[in-house]
Every structure is written in structure tokens, then in C-alpha cells.
Amino acid sequence: MPCKFKYHLSGLVFECNIEVRELIAAERDEDYYLSVVQELPDFNSSVNDDRLCVKLGDGGVIVVKDRKHIFYLPPEQATEGYIQMYILGTINMLMSALSGAMSLHAACVVIGGRAVLFCGHSGTGKSSLAAWFALKDYTVLSDDVVALRKDDSGKIMAYPGVPRIKMTPESLELLGKSKLDFQLLSSVKEKYAFPLTYTDHTGVELSAIVFPAFQDSDPRLEPINGFEKPGALEPHVYRGKMLSRTGFFRELRPLLLLISGQVPMYHFIRPRTENSMDEGLLFLENLLINQ
């Protein structure tokens, strides 16, 4: 009988037939079942009431059956790291969407008991922001993908992702750290695992969404007007084109509009230089604590 593993991810528990070393083992009942297979069961490639087929191009094929069972057929020469990348990214997003959650490309830090998202594309400093707060003993829920759900009281809640921050050697150096002290995650882009520790896998109420950007100026926080907020947020929906193609974006759009109407959003402008990093982040920390 094949081994079964259960893990926490994005507020859910899933059972899997392979080990995913970066995740935290779970004991409660599973919400979803994931099977990594060498051959798909006898499914066709159509969408119907209980089956969804997602073709990933060179990434393989995902089939969702009964909105509960997920089958992933990776490409023939896929490595263990490649398969786990899809589990932690695309498959994580699909499980979250099935549960009614929207995944954003963002880091998430708990400040003053509530979650703050740092939302942006690659290169905007999300991981450096998350690591800076982690070094100051703040709880970091995620550095890359964050699942948001509405709870029974109508609050927007953020959930923990993969318990590590992916850091470049340059980002580690800015924080006074050496890459020699961390595990190499990818030699292609040379990123290292900055570990996170948390034991609570429940959601944290979302208090703000911050869009960081580099600019040659003094640090400042600029509020985003209400009518601009959906447009600012939508480009950062994780795998947004795939969500649209599978119909999940239509299901989740009311949640995006609720987040836009309920959660304050800001642009955070700061210079890129090493000397000004602490100054800019201390400025941001003070504003967020007192908001």
C-alpha cells in the first residue's frame, strides 16, 4: 500500500501520496486528496459537473474530480523539485480556489495581531520585507502566495503558506546574512530558504494591503482610493489567467470586490539603497503599528 502524507497549506489539509519536505505535517482530517501519478485514470479532457482538466503546457496535466480529488501528471523527466514546485504553487492555488479562497502573489506579516499583505510582482522586494520583519520576531505567514478567505462573520482572513522565505544572495546580504548559512532552493535562479516557524495554521484577520515600489525619494505611504483598489489588486491574483480559463475567477470575483471595499490599501515608496533599507522599513513599521 503506498505511503500517505498529510500537510497543512493555506488553511487547508491535504493528503498526498508523495512527501513534501517543506510543509508541516497535519493530524486533522484532510480537505483534499492529491495523487501524483505516472498515468491519469480513465478521464476525458472535458469540463463537466464533477471533473476539471487543466493542461499546463510543458508542466503536465492536473485533473480535479468531484471538487475533492486532485490528480497531477507531471512531464516525463520532471525532478522531485519540479513536482513540488507545482504542488506548492499551482496546485495550492487550485485547492484554495476550490475552498472559496483567492490566492494573491504577496508576502504576509502579522503586525499588531493582524495580517498585512505586501503585494507585488517579482523584484519589488516582498521577500526582503518579509525577512526583515521575521528578523525582528514578527510572525511571517508567507513570502510568495497568500490565500484569503471570508470567515463566517464577514472578515477577510489570511492563511499561512509555505514556511520559508525564498531569498537571493543580494537580499540576504542587505539583511546582513550570508547565503552559506541557508539551504539552496534553486540553482537556476540561486535562491535560498530562510526558514519560518509557526504552529498556528488558522487565519489572521487582514488589516491592510501594501504595494511596495522602489523610487529615488524619501519613504512614504500613499493611500489608494476606493475606485482604484480593484484595479490595483487584480493583477496580483496568483495564476489569474488560469483562474479565468477554469471559471474559478468568476466564482471568486465577489471576494475580490469585498476585499477591495473592506481592506485599506497603500503604495509604499522607498529607495533601493542598502543604507536606507532600515530607515524605510522602520518608517513603514511605525505607520502600520499605529494605523
C-alpha atoms as a PDB file:
ATOM      1  CA  MET A   1       0.000   0.000   0.000  1.00  0.00           C
ATOM      2  CA  PRO A   2       1.529   3.390  -0.988  1.00  0.00           C
ATOM      3  CA  CYS A   3       2.536   5.831   1.744  1.00  0.00           C
ATOM      4  CA  LYS A   4       0.174   8.689   2.550  1.00  0.00           C
ATOM      5  CA  PHE A   5       1.253  12.044   3.931  1.00  0.00           C
ATOM      6  CA  LYS A   6      -0.922  14.862   5.294  1.00  0.00           C
ATOM      7  CA  TYR A   7       0.130  18.508   5.293  1.00  0.00           C
ATOM      8  CA  HIS A   8      -1.048  21.985   6.280  1.00  0.00           C
ATOM      9  CA  LEU A   9      -1.105  24.578   3.488  1.00  0.00           C
ATOM     10  CA  SER A  10      -3.090  27.812   3.076  1.00  0.00           C
ATOM     11  CA  GLY A  11      -5.531  26.970   5.873  1.00  0.00           C
ATOM     12  CA  LEU A  12      -6.288  23.543   4.413  1.00  0.00           C
ATOM     13  CA  VAL A  13      -5.093  19.993   4.991  1.00  0.00           C
ATOM     14  CA  PHE A  14      -4.399  17.744   2.026  1.00  0.00           C
ATOM     15  CA  GLU A  15      -3.405  14.108   1.792  1.00  0.00           C
ATOM     16  CA  CYS A  16      -0.666  13.305  -0.719  1.00  0.00           C
ATOM     17  CA  ASN A  17       0.991  10.145  -1.998  1.00  0.00           C
ATOM     18  CA  ILE A  18       4.473  11.737  -2.011  1.00  0.00           C
ATOM     19  CA  GLU A  19       6.467  13.505   0.686  1.00  0.00           C
ATOM     20  CA  VAL A  20       6.602  17.318   0.521  1.00  0.00           C
ATOM     21  CA  ARG A  21       9.516  18.145   2.804  1.00  0.00           C
ATOM     22  CA  GLU A  22       8.937  21.903   3.039  1.00  0.00           C
ATOM     23  CA  LEU A  23       5.461  21.545   4.561  1.00  0.00           C
ATOM     24  CA  ILE A  24       4.302  20.892   8.124  1.00  0.00           C
ATOM     25  CA  ALA A  25       2.642  17.539   8.824  1.00  0.00           C
ATOM     26  CA  ALA A  26      -1.036  17.608   9.808  1.00  0.00           C
ATOM     27  CA  GLU A  27      -3.124  15.377  12.058  1.00  0.00           C
ATOM     28  CA  ARG A  28      -6.674  16.582  11.463  1.00  0.00           C
ATOM     29  CA  ASP A  29      -8.928  15.225   8.698  1.00  0.00           C
ATOM     30  CA  GLU A  30      -7.980  16.145   5.149  1.00  0.00           C
ATOM     31  CA  ASP A  31      -9.912  18.630   2.987  1.00  0.00           C
ATOM     32  CA  TYR A  32      -8.442  17.405  -0.325  1.00  0.00           C
ATOM     33  CA  TYR A  33      -6.643  14.396  -1.763  1.00  0.00           C
ATOM     34  CA  LEU A  34      -3.675  14.815  -4.109  1.00  0.00           C
ATOM     35  CA  SER A  35      -2.190  11.999  -6.172  1.00  0.00           C
ATOM     36  CA  VAL A  36       0.960  12.474  -8.247  1.00  0.00           C
ATOM     37  CA  VAL A  37       0.608   9.829 -10.963  1.00  0.00           C
ATOM     38  CA  GLN A  38       2.560   8.377 -13.869  1.00  0.00           C
ATOM     39  CA  GLU A  39      -0.657   7.850 -15.816  1.00  0.00           C
ATOM     40  CA  LEU A  40      -4.034   9.519 -15.417  1.00  0.00           C
ATOM     41  CA  PRO A  41      -7.092   7.429 -14.596  1.00  0.00           C
ATOM     42  CA  ASP A  42      -9.563   6.950 -17.425  1.00  0.00           C
ATOM     43  CA  PHE A  43     -10.661  10.593 -17.671  1.00  0.00           C
ATOM     44  CA  ASN A  44     -11.526  12.605 -20.737  1.00  0.00           C
ATOM     45  CA  SER A  45     -10.328  16.200 -21.125  1.00  0.00           C
ATOM     46  CA  SER A  46     -13.659  17.950 -20.825  1.00  0.00           C
ATOM     47  CA  VAL A  47     -15.139  20.105 -18.099  1.00  0.00           C
ATOM     48  CA  ASN A  48     -18.372  18.848 -16.562  1.00  0.00           C
ATOM     49  CA  ASP A  49     -20.147  18.898 -13.230  1.00  0.00           C
ATOM     50  CA  ASP A  50     -17.603  16.785 -11.389  1.00  0.00           C
ATOM     51  CA  ARG A  51     -14.411  16.940 -13.422  1.00  0.00           C
ATOM     52  CA  LEU A  52     -11.978  19.626 -14.464  1.00  0.00           C
ATOM     53  CA  CYS A  53      -8.888  19.117 -16.621  1.00  0.00           C
ATOM     54  CA  VAL A  54      -6.143  21.765 -16.571  1.00  0.00           C
ATOM     55  CA  LYS A  55      -3.382  21.432 -19.154  1.00  0.00           C
ATOM     56  CA  LEU A  56      -0.178  23.122 -18.034  1.00  0.00           C
ATOM     57  CA  GLY A  57       1.720  23.052 -21.335  1.00  0.00           C
ATOM     58  CA  ASP A  58       5.189  21.732 -20.502  1.00  0.00           C
ATOM     59  CA  GLY A  59       4.179  21.462 -16.841  1.00  0.00           C
ATOM     60  CA  GLY A  60       1.924  18.425 -17.230  1.00  0.00           C
ATOM     61  CA  VAL A  61      -1.797  17.959 -16.537  1.00  0.00           C
ATOM     62  CA  ILE A  62      -3.991  18.420 -13.463  1.00  0.00           C
ATOM     63  CA  VAL A  63      -7.395  16.748 -13.153  1.00  0.00           C
ATOM     64  CA  VAL A  64      -9.831  17.696 -10.378  1.00  0.00           C
ATOM     65  CA  LYS A  65     -12.642  15.207  -9.718  1.00  0.00           C
ATOM     66  CA  ASP A  66     -15.695  15.902  -7.553  1.00  0.00           C
ATOM     67  CA  ARG A  67     -14.018  19.157  -6.351  1.00  0.00           C
ATOM     68  CA  LYS A  68     -12.159  16.966  -3.854  1.00  0.00           C
ATOM     69  CA  HIS A  69      -9.679  14.625  -5.570  1.00  0.00           C
ATOM     70  CA  ILE A  70      -6.740  16.103  -7.478  1.00  0.00           C
ATOM     71  CA  PHE A  71      -4.510  14.132  -9.847  1.00  0.00           C
ATOM     72  CA  TYR A  72      -1.246  15.593 -11.129  1.00  0.00           C
ATOM     73  CA  LEU A  73       0.553  14.031 -14.108  1.00  0.00           C
ATOM     74  CA  PRO A  74       3.969  15.745 -14.355  1.00  0.00           C
ATOM     75  CA  PRO A  75       6.107  15.694 -17.513  1.00  0.00           C
ATOM     76  CA  GLU A  76       8.185  12.542 -18.016  1.00  0.00           C
ATOM     77  CA  GLN A  77      11.565  13.900 -16.902  1.00  0.00           C
ATOM     78  CA  ALA A  78      10.265  16.023 -14.035  1.00  0.00           C
ATOM     79  CA  THR A  79      12.508  16.103 -10.959  1.00  0.00           C
ATOM     80  CA  GLU A  80      11.263  15.918  -7.377  1.00  0.00           C
ATOM     81  CA  GLY A  81      11.910  19.661  -7.017  1.00  0.00           C
ATOM     82  CA  TYR A  82       9.925  20.420 -10.172  1.00  0.00           C
ATOM     83  CA  ILE A  83       6.925  18.396  -8.952  1.00  0.00           C
ATOM     84  CA  GLN A  84       6.987  20.043  -5.541  1.00  0.00           C
ATOM     85  CA  MET A  85       7.156  23.489  -7.175  1.00  0.00           C
ATOM     86  CA  TYR A  86       3.800  22.761  -8.851  1.00  0.00           C
ATOM     87  CA  ILE A  87       2.307  21.365  -5.637  1.00  0.00           C
ATOM     88  CA  LEU A  88       3.293  24.470  -3.643  1.00  0.00           C
ATOM     89  CA  GLY A  89       2.227  26.873  -6.420  1.00  0.00           C
ATOM     90  CA  THR A  90      -0.435  25.975  -8.981  1.00  0.00           C
ATOM     91  CA  ILE A  91      -1.988  23.024  -7.132  1.00  0.00           C
ATOM     92  CA  ASN A  92      -2.043  25.011  -3.886  1.00  0.00           C
ATOM     93  CA  MET A  93      -3.882  27.799  -5.741  1.00  0.00           C
ATOM     94  CA  LEU A  94      -6.439  25.350  -7.179  1.00  0.00           C
ATOM     95  CA  MET A  95      -7.132  23.775  -3.761  1.00  0.00           C
ATOM     96  CA  SER A  96      -7.619  27.248  -2.311  1.00  0.00           C
ATOM     97  CA  ALA A  97      -9.975  28.224  -5.160  1.00  0.00           C
ATOM     98  CA  LEU A  98     -11.995  25.041  -4.645  1.00  0.00           C
ATOM     99  CA  SER A  99     -12.434  26.058  -0.991  1.00  0.00           C
ATOM    100  CA  GLY A 100     -13.566  29.597  -1.921  1.00  0.00           C
ATOM    101  CA  ALA A 101     -10.226  31.322  -1.263  1.00  0.00           C
ATOM    102  CA  MET A 102      -8.357  33.722  -3.538  1.00  0.00           C
ATOM    103  CA  SER A 103      -4.562  33.388  -3.768  1.00  0.00           C
ATOM    104  CA  LEU A 104      -2.520  36.561  -4.153  1.00  0.00           C
ATOM    105  CA  HIS A 105       1.116  36.948  -5.173  1.00  0.00           C
ATOM    106  CA  ALA A 106       2.141  38.528  -1.884  1.00  0.00           C
ATOM    107  CA  ALA A 107       4.105  38.252   1.336  1.00  0.00           C
ATOM    108  CA  CYS A 108       2.169  38.354   4.600  1.00  0.00           C
ATOM    109  CA  VAL A 109       3.320  39.588   8.025  1.00  0.00           C
ATOM    110  CA  VAL A 110       1.357  39.747  11.298  1.00  0.00           C
ATOM    111  CA  ILE A 111       1.711  43.271  12.744  1.00  0.00           C
ATOM    112  CA  GLY A 112      -0.201  44.264  15.849  1.00  0.00           C
ATOM    113  CA  GLY A 113      -2.103  40.979  15.811  1.00  0.00           C
ATOM    114  CA  ARG A 114      -3.460  41.452  12.280  1.00  0.00           C
ATOM    115  CA  ALA A 115      -2.178  40.469   8.846  1.00  0.00           C
ATOM    116  CA  VAL A 116      -0.599  42.903   6.404  1.00  0.00           C
ATOM    117  CA  LEU A 117      -0.012  41.861   2.785  1.00  0.00           C
ATOM    118  CA  PHE A 118       2.947  43.107   0.760  1.00  0.00           C
ATOM    119  CA  CYS A 119       1.609  42.610  -2.721  1.00  0.00           C
ATOM    120  CA  GLY A 120       3.676  42.932  -5.876  1.00  0.00           C
ATOM    121  CA  HIS A 121       5.426  41.343  -8.818  1.00  0.00           C
ATOM    122  CA  SER A 122       8.885  39.763  -8.612  1.00  0.00           C
ATOM    123  CA  GLY A 123      11.627  42.289  -7.889  1.00  0.00           C
ATOM    124  CA  THR A 124       9.572  44.674  -5.737  1.00  0.00           C
ATOM    125  CA  GLY A 125      11.183  43.488  -2.504  1.00  0.00           C
ATOM    126  CA  LYS A 126       8.402  41.328  -0.987  1.00  0.00           C
ATOM    127  CA  SER A 127      10.768  38.647   0.290  1.00  0.00           C
ATOM    128  CA  SER A 128      13.232  41.196   1.712  1.00  0.00           C
ATOM    129  CA  LEU A 129      10.368  42.931   3.530  1.00  0.00           C
ATOM    130  CA  ALA A 130       9.154  39.610   4.945  1.00  0.00           C
ATOM    131  CA  ALA A 131      12.664  38.592   6.085  1.00  0.00           C
ATOM    132  CA  TRP A 132      13.286  41.991   7.699  1.00  0.00           C
ATOM    133  CA  PHE A 133      10.127  41.592   9.789  1.00  0.00           C
ATOM    134  CA  ALA A 134      10.991  37.941  10.572  1.00  0.00           C
ATOM    135  CA  LEU A 135      14.384  39.025  11.928  1.00  0.00           C
ATOM    136  CA  LYS A 136      12.515  41.386  14.276  1.00  0.00           C
ATOM    137  CA  ASP A 137      10.456  38.431  15.590  1.00  0.00           C
ATOM    138  CA  TYR A 138       7.258  39.235  13.709  1.00  0.00           C
ATOM    139  CA  THR A 139       5.222  36.256  12.512  1.00  0.00           C
ATOM    140  CA  VAL A 140       5.550  35.867   8.744  1.00  0.00           C
ATOM    141  CA  LEU A 141       2.746  33.774   7.217  1.00  0.00           C
ATOM    142  CA  SER A 142       4.106  33.682   3.665  1.00  0.00           C
ATOM    143  CA  ASP A 143       6.620  35.298   1.345  1.00  0.00           C
ATOM    144  CA  ASP A 144       5.085  34.477  -2.039  1.00  0.00           C
ATOM    145  CA  VAL A 145       1.485  33.208  -2.183  1.00  0.00           C
ATOM    146  CA  VAL A 146      -1.230  34.071   0.355  1.00  0.00           C
ATOM    147  CA  ALA A 147      -4.742  32.603   0.466  1.00  0.00           C
ATOM    148  CA  LEU A 148      -7.565  34.954   1.550  1.00  0.00           C
ATOM    149  CA  ARG A 149     -10.998  33.787   2.686  1.00  0.00           C
ATOM    150  CA  LYS A 150     -14.089  35.414   4.154  1.00  0.00           C
ATOM    151  CA  ASP A 151     -14.986  33.947   7.533  1.00  0.00           C
ATOM    152  CA  ASP A 152     -18.497  33.443   8.910  1.00  0.00           C
ATOM    153  CA  SER A 153     -18.539  36.963  10.392  1.00  0.00           C
ATOM    154  CA  GLY A 154     -17.586  38.572   7.070  1.00  0.00           C
ATOM    155  CA  LYS A 155     -13.968  39.343   7.968  1.00  0.00           C
ATOM    156  CA  ILE A 156     -11.191  38.747   5.444  1.00  0.00           C
ATOM    157  CA  MET A 157      -8.672  36.239   6.801  1.00  0.00           C
ATOM    158  CA  ALA A 158      -5.129  35.461   5.592  1.00  0.00           C
ATOM    159  CA  TYR A 159      -3.671  31.955   5.947  1.00  0.00           C
ATOM    160  CA  PRO A 160      -0.102  30.601   6.301  1.00  0.00           C
ATOM    161  CA  GLY A 161       1.677  29.375   3.189  1.00  0.00           C
ATOM    162  CA  VAL A 162       4.986  27.532   2.778  1.00  0.00           C
ATOM    163  CA  PRO A 163       7.098  28.016   5.967  1.00  0.00           C
ATOM    164  CA  ARG A 164      10.130  29.625   4.350  1.00  0.00           C
ATOM    165  CA  ILE A 165      11.186  32.781   2.514  1.00  0.00           C
ATOM    166  CA  LYS A 166      12.944  32.486  -0.855  1.00  0.00           C
ATOM    167  CA  MET A 167      15.908  34.873  -0.803  1.00  0.00           C
ATOM    168  CA  THR A 168      18.524  35.888  -3.357  1.00  0.00           C
ATOM    169  CA  PRO A 169      22.163  36.270  -2.198  1.00  0.00           C
ATOM    170  CA  GLU A 170      21.791  40.050  -2.667  1.00  0.00           C
ATOM    171  CA  SER A 171      18.700  40.195  -0.430  1.00  0.00           C
ATOM    172  CA  LEU A 172      20.434  38.144   2.263  1.00  0.00           C
ATOM    173  CA  GLU A 173      23.410  40.465   2.106  1.00  0.00           C
ATOM    174  CA  LEU A 174      21.181  43.517   2.573  1.00  0.00           C
ATOM    175  CA  LEU A 175      19.952  41.896   5.794  1.00  0.00           C
ATOM    176  CA  GLY A 176      23.483  41.162   6.971  1.00  0.00           C
ATOM    177  CA  LYS A 177      23.219  37.428   6.259  1.00  0.00           C
ATOM    178  CA  SER A 178      25.371  35.029   4.236  1.00  0.00           C
ATOM    179  CA  LYS A 179      23.999  32.556   1.712  1.00  0.00           C
ATOM    180  CA  LEU A 180      26.357  29.953   3.222  1.00  0.00           C
ATOM    181  CA  ASP A 181      24.052  29.724   6.246  1.00  0.00           C
ATOM    182  CA  PHE A 182      20.949  28.754   4.246  1.00  0.00           C
ATOM    183  CA  GLN A 183      19.731  25.849   2.124  1.00  0.00           C
ATOM    184  CA  LEU A 184      19.894  26.352  -1.648  1.00  0.00           C
ATOM    185  CA  LEU A 185      16.395  26.015  -3.141  1.00  0.00           C
ATOM    186  CA  SER A 186      17.183  26.604  -6.807  1.00  0.00           C
ATOM    187  CA  SER A 187      20.481  26.805  -8.633  1.00  0.00           C
ATOM    188  CA  VAL A 188      18.753  28.208 -11.725  1.00  0.00           C
ATOM    189  CA  LYS A 189      17.768  31.499 -10.035  1.00  0.00           C
ATOM    190  CA  GLU A 190      20.023  30.938  -6.984  1.00  0.00           C
ATOM    191  CA  LYS A 191      17.507  31.325  -4.188  1.00  0.00           C
ATOM    192  CA  TYR A 192      17.934  30.208  -0.609  1.00  0.00           C
ATOM    193  CA  ALA A 193      15.437  29.094   2.061  1.00  0.00           C
ATOM    194  CA  PHE A 194      15.110  31.485   5.011  1.00  0.00           C
ATOM    195  CA  PRO A 195      13.093  29.273   7.431  1.00  0.00           C
ATOM    196  CA  LEU A 196       9.905  30.379   9.171  1.00  0.00           C
ATOM    197  CA  THR A 197       8.450  28.904  12.346  1.00  0.00           C
ATOM    198  CA  TYR A 198       4.780  28.979  13.281  1.00  0.00           C
ATOM    199  CA  THR A 199       2.437  26.472  14.889  1.00  0.00           C
ATOM    200  CA  ASP A 200      -0.972  28.075  14.386  1.00  0.00           C
ATOM    201  CA  HIS A 201      -2.494  27.259  10.988  1.00  0.00           C
ATOM    202  CA  THR A 202      -5.689  29.253  11.471  1.00  0.00           C
ATOM    203  CA  GLY A 203      -6.377  32.515   9.672  1.00  0.00           C
ATOM    204  CA  VAL A 204      -5.391  36.017  10.790  1.00  0.00           C
ATOM    205  CA  GLU A 205      -7.667  38.986  10.105  1.00  0.00           C
ATOM    206  CA  LEU A 206      -6.385  41.159   7.247  1.00  0.00           C
ATOM    207  CA  SER A 207      -5.842  44.816   8.146  1.00  0.00           C
ATOM    208  CA  ALA A 208      -4.056  46.292   5.096  1.00  0.00           C
ATOM    209  CA  ILE A 209      -2.591  45.581   1.664  1.00  0.00           C
ATOM    210  CA  VAL A 210       0.644  47.390   0.792  1.00  0.00           C
ATOM    211  CA  PHE A 211       2.102  47.627  -2.722  1.00  0.00           C
ATOM    212  CA  PRO A 212       5.882  48.220  -2.361  1.00  0.00           C
ATOM    213  CA  ALA A 213       7.858  50.009  -5.072  1.00  0.00           C
ATOM    214  CA  PHE A 214      11.366  51.398  -5.387  1.00  0.00           C
ATOM    215  CA  GLN A 215      11.827  55.063  -6.175  1.00  0.00           C
ATOM    216  CA  ASP A 216      14.628  57.566  -5.581  1.00  0.00           C
ATOM    217  CA  SER A 217      12.817  59.515  -2.853  1.00  0.00           C
ATOM    218  CA  ASP A 218      12.123  59.560   0.858  1.00  0.00           C
ATOM    219  CA  PRO A 219       9.942  56.683   2.129  1.00  0.00           C
ATOM    220  CA  ARG A 220       6.224  57.378   2.111  1.00  0.00           C
ATOM    221  CA  LEU A 221       2.889  55.574   2.309  1.00  0.00           C
ATOM    222  CA  GLU A 222       0.199  56.710  -0.158  1.00  0.00           C
ATOM    223  CA  PRO A 223      -3.447  55.612   0.326  1.00  0.00           C
ATOM    224  CA  ILE A 224      -5.169  54.103  -2.725  1.00  0.00           C
ATOM    225  CA  ASN A 225      -8.631  55.491  -3.468  1.00  0.00           C
ATOM    226  CA  GLY A 226     -11.631  53.176  -3.300  1.00  0.00           C
ATOM    227  CA  PHE A 227     -12.457  53.085  -7.009  1.00  0.00           C
ATOM    228  CA  GLU A 228      -8.789  52.314  -7.855  1.00  0.00           C
ATOM    229  CA  LYS A 229      -8.454  49.396  -5.442  1.00  0.00           C
ATOM    230  CA  PRO A 230      -9.896  46.525  -7.551  1.00  0.00           C
ATOM    231  CA  GLY A 231      -7.663  47.517 -10.460  1.00  0.00           C
ATOM    232  CA  ALA A 232      -4.618  47.653  -8.189  1.00  0.00           C
ATOM    233  CA  LEU A 233      -5.344  44.231  -6.697  1.00  0.00           C
ATOM    234  CA  GLU A 234      -6.462  42.167  -9.703  1.00  0.00           C
ATOM    235  CA  PRO A 235      -3.050  41.959 -11.480  1.00  0.00           C
ATOM    236  CA  HIS A 236      -1.657  40.264  -8.364  1.00  0.00           C
ATOM    237  CA  VAL A 237      -4.163  37.401  -8.294  1.00  0.00           C
ATOM    238  CA  TYR A 238      -1.962  34.311  -8.425  1.00  0.00           C
ATOM    239  CA  ARG A 239      -2.292  32.420 -11.725  1.00  0.00           C
ATOM    240  CA  GLY A 240      -5.085  34.798 -12.707  1.00  0.00           C
ATOM    241  CA  LYS A 241      -5.234  33.647 -16.353  1.00  0.00           C
ATOM    242  CA  MET A 242      -5.636  30.045 -15.261  1.00  0.00           C
ATOM    243  CA  LEU A 243      -8.374  31.041 -12.809  1.00  0.00           C
ATOM    244  CA  SER A 244     -10.226  32.757 -15.649  1.00  0.00           C
ATOM    245  CA  ARG A 245      -9.758  29.811 -18.004  1.00  0.00           C
ATOM    246  CA  THR A 246     -11.134  27.342 -15.454  1.00  0.00           C
ATOM    247  CA  GLY A 247     -14.069  29.527 -14.381  1.00  0.00           C
ATOM    248  CA  PHE A 248     -12.834  29.999 -10.827  1.00  0.00           C
ATOM    249  CA  PHE A 249     -12.193  33.721 -11.288  1.00  0.00           C
ATOM    250  CA  ARG A 250     -15.895  34.294 -11.900  1.00  0.00           C
ATOM    251  CA  GLU A 251     -16.657  32.453  -8.640  1.00  0.00           C
ATOM    252  CA  LEU A 252     -14.043  34.446  -6.719  1.00  0.00           C
ATOM    253  CA  ARG A 253     -14.660  37.915  -8.165  1.00  0.00           C
ATOM    254  CA  PRO A 254     -17.191  38.833  -5.421  1.00  0.00           C
ATOM    255  CA  LEU A 255     -14.449  38.073  -2.877  1.00  0.00           C
ATOM    256  CA  LEU A 256     -12.004  40.353  -4.732  1.00  0.00           C
ATOM    257  CA  LEU A 257     -14.568  43.161  -4.676  1.00  0.00           C
ATOM    258  CA  LEU A 258     -15.274  42.565  -0.976  1.00  0.00           C
ATOM    259  CA  ILE A 259     -11.544  42.747  -0.186  1.00  0.00           C
ATOM    260  CA  SER A 260     -11.273  45.958  -2.223  1.00  0.00           C
ATOM    261  CA  GLY A 261     -14.170  47.542  -0.365  1.00  0.00           C
ATOM    262  CA  GLN A 262     -13.206  46.403   3.119  1.00  0.00           C
ATOM    263  CA  VAL A 263      -9.397  46.489   3.348  1.00  0.00           C
ATOM    264  CA  PRO A 264      -7.263  49.686   3.251  1.00  0.00           C
ATOM    265  CA  MET A 265      -4.606  49.686   0.506  1.00  0.00           C
ATOM    266  CA  TYR A 266      -1.414  51.738   0.140  1.00  0.00           C
ATOM    267  CA  HIS A 267       1.517  52.320  -2.155  1.00  0.00           C
ATOM    268  CA  PHE A 268       4.782  52.108  -0.193  1.00  0.00           C
ATOM    269  CA  ILE A 269       7.537  54.093  -1.916  1.00  0.00           C
ATOM    270  CA  ARG A 270      11.142  53.662  -0.771  1.00  0.00           C
ATOM    271  CA  PRO A 271      14.691  53.970  -2.141  1.00  0.00           C
ATOM    272  CA  ARG A 272      16.630  50.831  -3.043  1.00  0.00           C
ATOM    273  CA  THR A 273      19.978  51.639  -1.381  1.00  0.00           C
ATOM    274  CA  GLU A 274      21.319  49.490   1.454  1.00  0.00           C
ATOM    275  CA  ASN A 275      21.772  52.415   3.857  1.00  0.00           C
ATOM    276  CA  SER A 276      18.134  53.470   3.528  1.00  0.00           C
ATOM    277  CA  MET A 277      16.572  49.999   3.900  1.00  0.00           C
ATOM    278  CA  ASP A 278      16.274  50.067   7.688  1.00  0.00           C
ATOM    279  CA  GLU A 279      15.097  53.677   7.646  1.00  0.00           C
ATOM    280  CA  GLY A 280      12.321  52.935   5.146  1.00  0.00           C
ATOM    281  CA  LEU A 281      11.141  49.778   6.888  1.00  0.00           C
ATOM    282  CA  LEU A 282      11.200  51.358  10.352  1.00  0.00           C
ATOM    283  CA  PHE A 283       9.054  54.156   8.894  1.00  0.00           C
ATOM    284  CA  LEU A 284       6.629  51.567   7.492  1.00  0.00           C
ATOM    285  CA  GLU A 285       6.600  49.515  10.695  1.00  0.00           C
ATOM    286  CA  ASN A 286       5.665  52.544  12.787  1.00  0.00           C
ATOM    287  CA  LEU A 287       2.813  53.550  10.459  1.00  0.00           C
ATOM    288  CA  LEU A 288       1.365  50.028  10.323  1.00  0.00           C
ATOM    289  CA  ILE A 289       1.540  49.533  14.089  1.00  0.00           C
ATOM    290  CA  ASN A 290      -0.349  52.784  14.634  1.00  0.00           C
ATOM    291  CA  GLN A 291      -2.877  52.529  11.792  1.00  0.00           C
END
